[in-house]
Amino acid sequence: MTRLIDDVFKNQKFIPTQMTEFGFQKTGDSYTYEENFLDDSFRAVVTVKNGKVDGQVIDCSTGDEYYQIDVPAMQGKFVSSVRAGYLDILGQIVDHCCLTMPFASPQANRIAGRIYDQYHVAPDFPWKSRNNKDNGVFRHLDSGKWFGLIMNGRRGLVTKDGDEQNVDIINLKSNTLPVDGQSVFPAYHMNHKYWVSVVLDDQLGDDDVMRLIDESFRLTGKQG
């Protein structure tokens, strides 16, 4: 059974400094936030550890967990009011403590999170059309130069084999051009002499992708 908290925090990355400002308490490598709601009848407890989120709603009169909020068949007025109060708290946490990872593939979202951790850069989305809504640009904070571009499109655009499967692809600048014909290809929509396209389908590990991103970041710096 999918829980409300899993749906709310899907594709969200927690930012520790914003969590503590919001009111999360840090103990070791865990962060915990508690808030009473519905006239102190219930208490929401949200715990984040190593980026993984868990949550409970506690009935303050009994001390028991109120599981009904995660049962879709429970749609009565009372349980709906508890669910709405809980969702309001979770929504505030998202707004104040999280960065949305908006890409289609899990690997693209993980990579976007690691870029944020390493360079404090979040993607921006300069194209407003519906077909380009998932295309995110990563820029140097000082110069605004691109060092990465994640696009979602047909795999065949880079493999040239007619593959119709939709995948996330990141374009990166490289002076090594490590094209392997499996995960790394001549860049789509950019100069093949200087850029490569990396397919983010977990065939190439995150650490290897990050090494290519590090190279692109260096090459596109102020002197790039």
C-alpha atoms as a PDB file:
ATOM      1  CA  MET A   1       0.000   0.000   0.000  1.00  0.00           C
ATOM      2  CA  THR A   2       1.354   3.393  -0.992  1.00  0.00           C
ATOM      3  CA  ARG A   3       1.331   5.827   1.902  1.00  0.00           C
ATOM      4  CA  LEU A   4       0.417   9.496   1.663  1.00  0.00           C
ATOM      5  CA  ILE A   5       3.896  10.528   2.748  1.00  0.00           C
ATOM      6  CA  ASP A   6       5.514   8.506  -0.055  1.00  0.00           C
ATOM      7  CA  ASP A   7       3.376  10.261  -2.673  1.00  0.00           C
ATOM      8  CA  VAL A   8       4.015  13.725  -1.220  1.00  0.00           C
ATOM      9  CA  PHE A   9       7.799  13.353  -1.095  1.00  0.00           C
ATOM     10  CA  LYS A  10       8.257  11.517  -4.368  1.00  0.00           C
ATOM     11  CA  ASN A  11      11.027  13.300  -6.313  1.00  0.00           C
ATOM     12  CA  GLN A  12      11.773  15.647  -3.405  1.00  0.00           C
ATOM     13  CA  LYS A  13      15.276  16.241  -2.037  1.00  0.00           C
ATOM     14  CA  PHE A  14      15.618  17.465   1.544  1.00  0.00           C
ATOM     15  CA  ILE A  15      17.901  20.460   2.198  1.00  0.00           C
ATOM     16  CA  PRO A  16      19.331  20.122   5.744  1.00  0.00           C
ATOM     17  CA  THR A  17      19.835  23.831   6.428  1.00  0.00           C
ATOM     18  CA  GLN A  18      16.235  24.564   5.481  1.00  0.00           C
ATOM     19  CA  MET A  19      15.014  21.649   7.596  1.00  0.00           C
ATOM     20  CA  THR A  20      16.595  23.017  10.765  1.00  0.00           C
ATOM     21  CA  GLU A  21      15.254  26.494   9.994  1.00  0.00           C
ATOM     22  CA  PHE A  22      11.762  24.994   9.628  1.00  0.00           C
ATOM     23  CA  GLY A  23      11.957  23.229  12.994  1.00  0.00           C
ATOM     24  CA  PHE A  24      13.370  19.751  12.413  1.00  0.00           C
ATOM     25  CA  GLN A  25      15.483  18.474  15.308  1.00  0.00           C
ATOM     26  CA  LYS A  26      18.721  16.715  14.369  1.00  0.00           C
ATOM     27  CA  THR A  27      19.873  13.650  16.302  1.00  0.00           C
ATOM     28  CA  GLY A  28      22.860  11.856  14.809  1.00  0.00           C
ATOM     29  CA  ASP A  29      22.045  11.403  11.129  1.00  0.00           C
ATOM     30  CA  SER A  30      18.273  11.714  11.636  1.00  0.00           C
ATOM     31  CA  TYR A  31      15.976  14.731  11.496  1.00  0.00           C
ATOM     32  CA  THR A  32      12.592  14.722  13.246  1.00  0.00           C
ATOM     33  CA  TYR A  33       9.703  17.157  13.070  1.00  0.00           C
ATOM     34  CA  GLU A  34       6.581  16.969  15.243  1.00  0.00           C
ATOM     35  CA  GLU A  35       3.447  19.110  15.113  1.00  0.00           C
ATOM     36  CA  ASN A  36       0.038  18.762  16.705  1.00  0.00           C
ATOM     37  CA  PHE A  37      -3.046  19.498  14.610  1.00  0.00           C
ATOM     38  CA  LEU A  38      -6.843  19.382  14.720  1.00  0.00           C
ATOM     39  CA  ASP A  39      -6.958  21.149  18.106  1.00  0.00           C
ATOM     40  CA  ASP A  40      -4.145  18.972  19.455  1.00  0.00           C
ATOM     41  CA  SER A  41      -6.140  15.804  18.832  1.00  0.00           C
ATOM     42  CA  PHE A  42      -3.431  14.373  16.558  1.00  0.00           C
ATOM     43  CA  ARG A  43       0.314  14.686  16.210  1.00  0.00           C
ATOM     44  CA  ALA A  44       2.277  14.373  12.975  1.00  0.00           C
ATOM     45  CA  VAL A  45       5.782  12.925  13.340  1.00  0.00           C
ATOM     46  CA  VAL A  46       8.052  13.138  10.285  1.00  0.00           C
ATOM     47  CA  THR A  47      11.514  11.563  10.334  1.00  0.00           C
ATOM     48  CA  VAL A  48      14.195  11.891   7.649  1.00  0.00           C
ATOM     49  CA  LYS A  49      17.303   9.710   7.708  1.00  0.00           C
ATOM     50  CA  ASN A  50      19.832   9.520   4.878  1.00  0.00           C
ATOM     51  CA  GLY A  51      17.323  11.201   2.576  1.00  0.00           C
ATOM     52  CA  LYS A  52      14.590   8.634   3.321  1.00  0.00           C
ATOM     53  CA  VAL A  53      11.387   9.955   4.834  1.00  0.00           C
ATOM     54  CA  ASP A  54       8.990   8.227   7.233  1.00  0.00           C
ATOM     55  CA  GLY A  55       5.939   9.539   9.008  1.00  0.00           C
ATOM     56  CA  GLN A  56       3.247   8.746  11.514  1.00  0.00           C
ATOM     57  CA  VAL A  57       0.038  10.295  12.704  1.00  0.00           C
ATOM     58  CA  ILE A  58      -0.535   9.682  16.415  1.00  0.00           C
ATOM     59  CA  ASP A  59      -3.924   9.866  18.129  1.00  0.00           C
ATOM     60  CA  CYS A  60      -3.060  12.020  21.138  1.00  0.00           C
ATOM     61  CA  SER A  61      -5.912  10.607  23.232  1.00  0.00           C
ATOM     62  CA  THR A  62      -4.688   7.000  22.956  1.00  0.00           C
ATOM     63  CA  GLY A  63      -1.050   7.269  21.867  1.00  0.00           C
ATOM     64  CA  ASP A  64      -1.792   4.859  18.988  1.00  0.00           C
ATOM     65  CA  GLU A  65      -0.868   5.384  15.368  1.00  0.00           C
ATOM     66  CA  TYR A  66      -3.826   6.447  13.229  1.00  0.00           C
ATOM     67  CA  TYR A  67      -3.392   4.127  10.260  1.00  0.00           C
ATOM     68  CA  GLN A  68      -6.704   5.046   8.631  1.00  0.00           C
ATOM     69  CA  ILE A  69      -5.186   8.011   6.789  1.00  0.00           C
ATOM     70  CA  ASP A  70      -3.345   5.605   4.468  1.00  0.00           C
ATOM     71  CA  VAL A  71      -6.393   3.454   3.669  1.00  0.00           C
ATOM     72  CA  PRO A  72      -8.011   4.812   0.481  1.00  0.00           C
ATOM     73  CA  ALA A  73     -11.328   3.110   1.270  1.00  0.00           C
ATOM     74  CA  MET A  74     -11.668   5.218   4.421  1.00  0.00           C
ATOM     75  CA  GLN A  75     -13.449   8.319   3.150  1.00  0.00           C
ATOM     76  CA  GLY A  76     -15.640   9.411   6.060  1.00  0.00           C
ATOM     77  CA  LYS A  77     -15.812  13.037   7.194  1.00  0.00           C
ATOM     78  CA  PHE A  78     -13.630  12.519  10.251  1.00  0.00           C
ATOM     79  CA  VAL A  79     -10.821  10.532   8.639  1.00  0.00           C
ATOM     80  CA  SER A  80     -10.866  12.967   5.714  1.00  0.00           C
ATOM     81  CA  SER A  81     -10.336  15.889   8.089  1.00  0.00           C
ATOM     82  CA  VAL A  82      -7.376  14.102   9.737  1.00  0.00           C
ATOM     83  CA  ARG A  83      -5.915  13.275   6.318  1.00  0.00           C
ATOM     84  CA  ALA A  84      -6.302  16.887   5.155  1.00  0.00           C
ATOM     85  CA  GLY A  85      -4.586  18.223   8.280  1.00  0.00           C
ATOM     86  CA  TYR A  86      -1.687  15.815   7.842  1.00  0.00           C
ATOM     87  CA  LEU A  87      -1.326  16.656   4.153  1.00  0.00           C
ATOM     88  CA  ASP A  88      -1.237  20.356   5.003  1.00  0.00           C
ATOM     89  CA  ILE A  89       1.746  19.793   7.313  1.00  0.00           C
ATOM     90  CA  LEU A  90       3.530  17.632   4.731  1.00  0.00           C
ATOM     91  CA  GLY A  91       2.900  20.284   2.074  1.00  0.00           C
ATOM     92  CA  GLN A  92       4.478  22.966   4.269  1.00  0.00           C
ATOM     93  CA  ILE A  93       7.548  20.758   4.721  1.00  0.00           C
ATOM     94  CA  VAL A  94       7.857  20.333   0.954  1.00  0.00           C
ATOM     95  CA  ASP A  95       7.536  24.080   0.400  1.00  0.00           C
ATOM     96  CA  HIS A  96      10.120  25.048   3.012  1.00  0.00           C
ATOM     97  CA  CYS A  97      12.554  22.124   3.184  1.00  0.00           C
ATOM     98  CA  CYS A  98      12.734  20.438  -0.203  1.00  0.00           C
ATOM     99  CA  LEU A  99      14.007  20.825  -3.719  1.00  0.00           C
ATOM    100  CA  THR A 100      11.863  19.201  -6.397  1.00  0.00           C
ATOM    101  CA  MET A 101      13.661  16.697  -8.618  1.00  0.00           C
ATOM    102  CA  PRO A 102      11.442  16.884 -11.710  1.00  0.00           C
ATOM    103  CA  PHE A 103      12.990  14.433 -14.169  1.00  0.00           C
ATOM    104  CA  ALA A 104      11.440  11.258 -15.525  1.00  0.00           C
ATOM    105  CA  SER A 105      14.090   8.711 -14.521  1.00  0.00           C
ATOM    106  CA  PRO A 106      15.328   7.843 -11.024  1.00  0.00           C
ATOM    107  CA  GLN A 107      18.942   8.200 -12.135  1.00  0.00           C
ATOM    108  CA  ALA A 108      18.385  11.696 -13.539  1.00  0.00           C
ATOM    109  CA  ASN A 109      16.846  12.765 -10.236  1.00  0.00           C
ATOM    110  CA  ARG A 110      19.683  11.225  -8.235  1.00  0.00           C
ATOM    111  CA  ILE A 111      22.239  12.968 -10.438  1.00  0.00           C
ATOM    112  CA  ALA A 112      20.403  16.296 -10.080  1.00  0.00           C
ATOM    113  CA  GLY A 113      20.546  15.810  -6.315  1.00  0.00           C
ATOM    114  CA  ARG A 114      24.280  15.121  -6.383  1.00  0.00           C
ATOM    115  CA  ILE A 115      24.878  18.180  -8.567  1.00  0.00           C
ATOM    116  CA  TYR A 116      23.038  20.248  -5.971  1.00  0.00           C
ATOM    117  CA  ASP A 117      25.074  18.736  -3.128  1.00  0.00           C
ATOM    118  CA  GLN A 118      28.380  19.334  -4.906  1.00  0.00           C
ATOM    119  CA  TYR A 119      27.830  22.649  -6.665  1.00  0.00           C
ATOM    120  CA  HIS A 120      24.676  24.065  -4.980  1.00  0.00           C
ATOM    121  CA  VAL A 121      23.137  24.301  -8.448  1.00  0.00           C
ATOM    122  CA  ALA A 122      19.513  23.407  -9.149  1.00  0.00           C
ATOM    123  CA  PRO A 123      18.249  22.994 -12.716  1.00  0.00           C
ATOM    124  CA  ASP A 124      16.321  25.748 -14.419  1.00  0.00           C
ATOM    125  CA  PHE A 125      13.812  25.193 -17.188  1.00  0.00           C
ATOM    126  CA  PRO A 126      14.130  27.880 -19.854  1.00  0.00           C
ATOM    127  CA  TRP A 127      11.798  26.255 -22.374  1.00  0.00           C
ATOM    128  CA  LYS A 128       8.155  26.774 -21.590  1.00  0.00           C
ATOM    129  CA  SER A 129       6.523  24.505 -24.173  1.00  0.00           C
ATOM    130  CA  ARG A 130       4.786  21.334 -23.011  1.00  0.00           C
ATOM    131  CA  ASN A 131       7.143  19.141 -25.023  1.00  0.00           C
ATOM    132  CA  ASN A 132      10.206  20.623 -23.280  1.00  0.00           C
ATOM    133  CA  LYS A 133       8.896  20.738 -19.718  1.00  0.00           C
ATOM    134  CA  ASP A 134      11.399  18.128 -18.483  1.00  0.00           C
ATOM    135  CA  ASN A 135      14.489  19.733 -20.063  1.00  0.00           C
ATOM    136  CA  GLY A 136      16.623  21.197 -17.280  1.00  0.00           C
ATOM    137  CA  VAL A 137      19.772  23.287 -17.577  1.00  0.00           C
ATOM    138  CA  PHE A 138      22.576  23.345 -14.988  1.00  0.00           C
ATOM    139  CA  ARG A 139      24.547  26.609 -14.967  1.00  0.00           C
ATOM    140  CA  HIS A 140      27.578  28.024 -13.205  1.00  0.00           C
ATOM    141  CA  LEU A 141      26.415  30.329 -10.449  1.00  0.00           C
ATOM    142  CA  ASP A 142      28.956  33.032 -11.331  1.00  0.00           C
ATOM    143  CA  SER A 143      28.840  33.121 -15.127  1.00  0.00           C
ATOM    144  CA  GLY A 144      25.533  31.480 -16.031  1.00  0.00           C
ATOM    145  CA  LYS A 145      27.321  29.159 -18.476  1.00  0.00           C
ATOM    146  CA  TRP A 146      25.823  25.721 -18.969  1.00  0.00           C
ATOM    147  CA  PHE A 147      27.755  22.715 -17.764  1.00  0.00           C
ATOM    148  CA  GLY A 148      24.919  20.231 -18.199  1.00  0.00           C
ATOM    149  CA  LEU A 149      21.556  19.791 -19.880  1.00  0.00           C
ATOM    150  CA  ILE A 150      19.127  16.977 -19.061  1.00  0.00           C
ATOM    151  CA  MET A 151      16.619  16.184 -21.807  1.00  0.00           C
ATOM    152  CA  ASN A 152      13.962  13.526 -22.121  1.00  0.00           C
ATOM    153  CA  GLY A 153      13.498  11.984 -25.550  1.00  0.00           C
ATOM    154  CA  ARG A 154      13.740   8.899 -27.715  1.00  0.00           C
ATOM    155  CA  ARG A 155      16.869   6.838 -27.139  1.00  0.00           C
ATOM    156  CA  GLY A 156      17.242   6.613 -30.921  1.00  0.00           C
ATOM    157  CA  LEU A 157      18.061  10.334 -31.075  1.00  0.00           C
ATOM    158  CA  VAL A 158      21.542   9.498 -29.762  1.00  0.00           C
ATOM    159  CA  THR A 159      21.922   5.822 -30.676  1.00  0.00           C
ATOM    160  CA  LYS A 160      20.729   6.392 -34.283  1.00  0.00           C
ATOM    161  CA  ASP A 161      19.185   2.904 -34.241  1.00  0.00           C
ATOM    162  CA  GLY A 162      15.521   3.879 -34.275  1.00  0.00           C
ATOM    163  CA  ASP A 163      14.943   2.936 -30.613  1.00  0.00           C
ATOM    164  CA  GLU A 164      11.648   4.572 -29.568  1.00  0.00           C
ATOM    165  CA  GLN A 165      12.117   4.150 -25.806  1.00  0.00           C
ATOM    166  CA  ASN A 166      11.998   7.452 -23.929  1.00  0.00           C
ATOM    167  CA  VAL A 167      15.038   8.097 -21.744  1.00  0.00           C
ATOM    168  CA  ASP A 168      16.677  10.963 -19.890  1.00  0.00           C
ATOM    169  CA  ILE A 169      19.927  12.155 -21.470  1.00  0.00           C
ATOM    170  CA  ILE A 170      22.478  14.593 -20.064  1.00  0.00           C
ATOM    171  CA  ASN A 171      24.685  16.627 -22.400  1.00  0.00           C
ATOM    172  CA  LEU A 172      28.163  17.376 -21.032  1.00  0.00           C
ATOM    173  CA  LYS A 173      31.290  19.068 -22.313  1.00  0.00           C
ATOM    174  CA  SER A 174      34.320  16.774 -22.551  1.00  0.00           C
ATOM    175  CA  ASN A 175      37.887  16.879 -23.787  1.00  0.00           C
ATOM    176  CA  THR A 176      38.171  13.089 -23.577  1.00  0.00           C
ATOM    177  CA  LEU A 177      34.977  12.257 -25.537  1.00  0.00           C
ATOM    178  CA  PRO A 178      34.561   8.793 -23.917  1.00  0.00           C
ATOM    179  CA  VAL A 179      31.991   7.564 -26.456  1.00  0.00           C
ATOM    180  CA  ASP A 180      31.279   3.872 -25.854  1.00  0.00           C
ATOM    181  CA  GLY A 181      28.155   3.285 -27.955  1.00  0.00           C
ATOM    182  CA  GLN A 182      26.274   1.989 -24.900  1.00  0.00           C
ATOM    183  CA  SER A 183      25.801   4.890 -22.489  1.00  0.00           C
ATOM    184  CA  VAL A 184      27.924   7.695 -23.933  1.00  0.00           C
ATOM    185  CA  PHE A 185      27.333   9.033 -27.444  1.00  0.00           C
ATOM    186  CA  PRO A 186      28.176  12.041 -29.622  1.00  0.00           C
ATOM    187  CA  ALA A 187      26.094  14.898 -28.261  1.00  0.00           C
ATOM    188  CA  TYR A 188      22.536  15.370 -29.438  1.00  0.00           C
ATOM    189  CA  HIS A 189      21.855  18.978 -30.485  1.00  0.00           C
ATOM    190  CA  MET A 190      25.399  20.127 -29.608  1.00  0.00           C
ATOM    191  CA  ASN A 191      28.871  20.155 -31.150  1.00  0.00           C
ATOM    192  CA  HIS A 192      30.167  16.564 -31.411  1.00  0.00           C
ATOM    193  CA  LYS A 193      33.762  17.796 -31.091  1.00  0.00           C
ATOM    194  CA  TYR A 194      33.272  19.101 -27.581  1.00  0.00           C
ATOM    195  CA  TRP A 195      30.117  17.566 -26.088  1.00  0.00           C
ATOM    196  CA  VAL A 196      28.746  14.092 -25.337  1.00  0.00           C
ATOM    197  CA  SER A 197      25.296  12.738 -24.479  1.00  0.00           C
ATOM    198  CA  VAL A 198      25.083  10.320 -21.556  1.00  0.00           C
ATOM    199  CA  VAL A 199      21.980   8.132 -21.283  1.00  0.00           C
ATOM    200  CA  LEU A 200      20.692   8.099 -17.693  1.00  0.00           C
ATOM    201  CA  ASP A 201      19.211   4.596 -17.595  1.00  0.00           C
ATOM    202  CA  ASP A 202      21.454   3.177 -14.828  1.00  0.00           C
ATOM    203  CA  GLN A 203      23.693   1.359 -17.315  1.00  0.00           C
ATOM    204  CA  LEU A 204      26.473   3.787 -16.354  1.00  0.00           C
ATOM    205  CA  GLY A 205      26.859   4.196 -12.585  1.00  0.00           C
ATOM    206  CA  ASP A 206      26.216   7.467 -10.774  1.00  0.00           C
ATOM    207  CA  ASP A 207      29.873   7.878  -9.794  1.00  0.00           C
ATOM    208  CA  ASP A 208      30.974   7.527 -13.428  1.00  0.00           C
ATOM    209  CA  VAL A 209      28.354  10.043 -14.544  1.00  0.00           C
ATOM    210  CA  MET A 210      29.520  12.459 -11.842  1.00  0.00           C
ATOM    211  CA  ARG A 211      33.120  12.189 -13.046  1.00  0.00           C
ATOM    212  CA  LEU A 212      31.954  13.321 -16.490  1.00  0.00           C
ATOM    213  CA  ILE A 213      29.937  16.125 -14.894  1.00  0.00           C
ATOM    214  CA  ASP A 214      33.008  17.235 -12.926  1.00  0.00           C
ATOM    215  CA  GLU A 215      34.960  17.424 -16.187  1.00  0.00           C
ATOM    216  CA  SER A 216      32.205  19.434 -17.851  1.00  0.00           C
ATOM    217  CA  PHE A 217      32.022  21.767 -14.858  1.00  0.00           C
ATOM    218  CA  ARG A 218      35.748  22.471 -15.078  1.00  0.00           C
ATOM    219  CA  LEU A 219      35.750  22.929 -18.849  1.00  0.00           C
ATOM    220  CA  THR A 220      32.844  25.360 -18.804  1.00  0.00           C
ATOM    221  CA  GLY A 221      34.192  27.499 -15.965  1.00  0.00           C
ATOM    222  CA  LYS A 222      35.281  31.090 -16.445  1.00  0.00           C
ATOM    223  CA  GLN A 223      38.216  29.985 -18.574  1.00  0.00           C
ATOM    224  CA  GLY A 224      36.180  27.285 -20.409  1.00  0.00           C
END
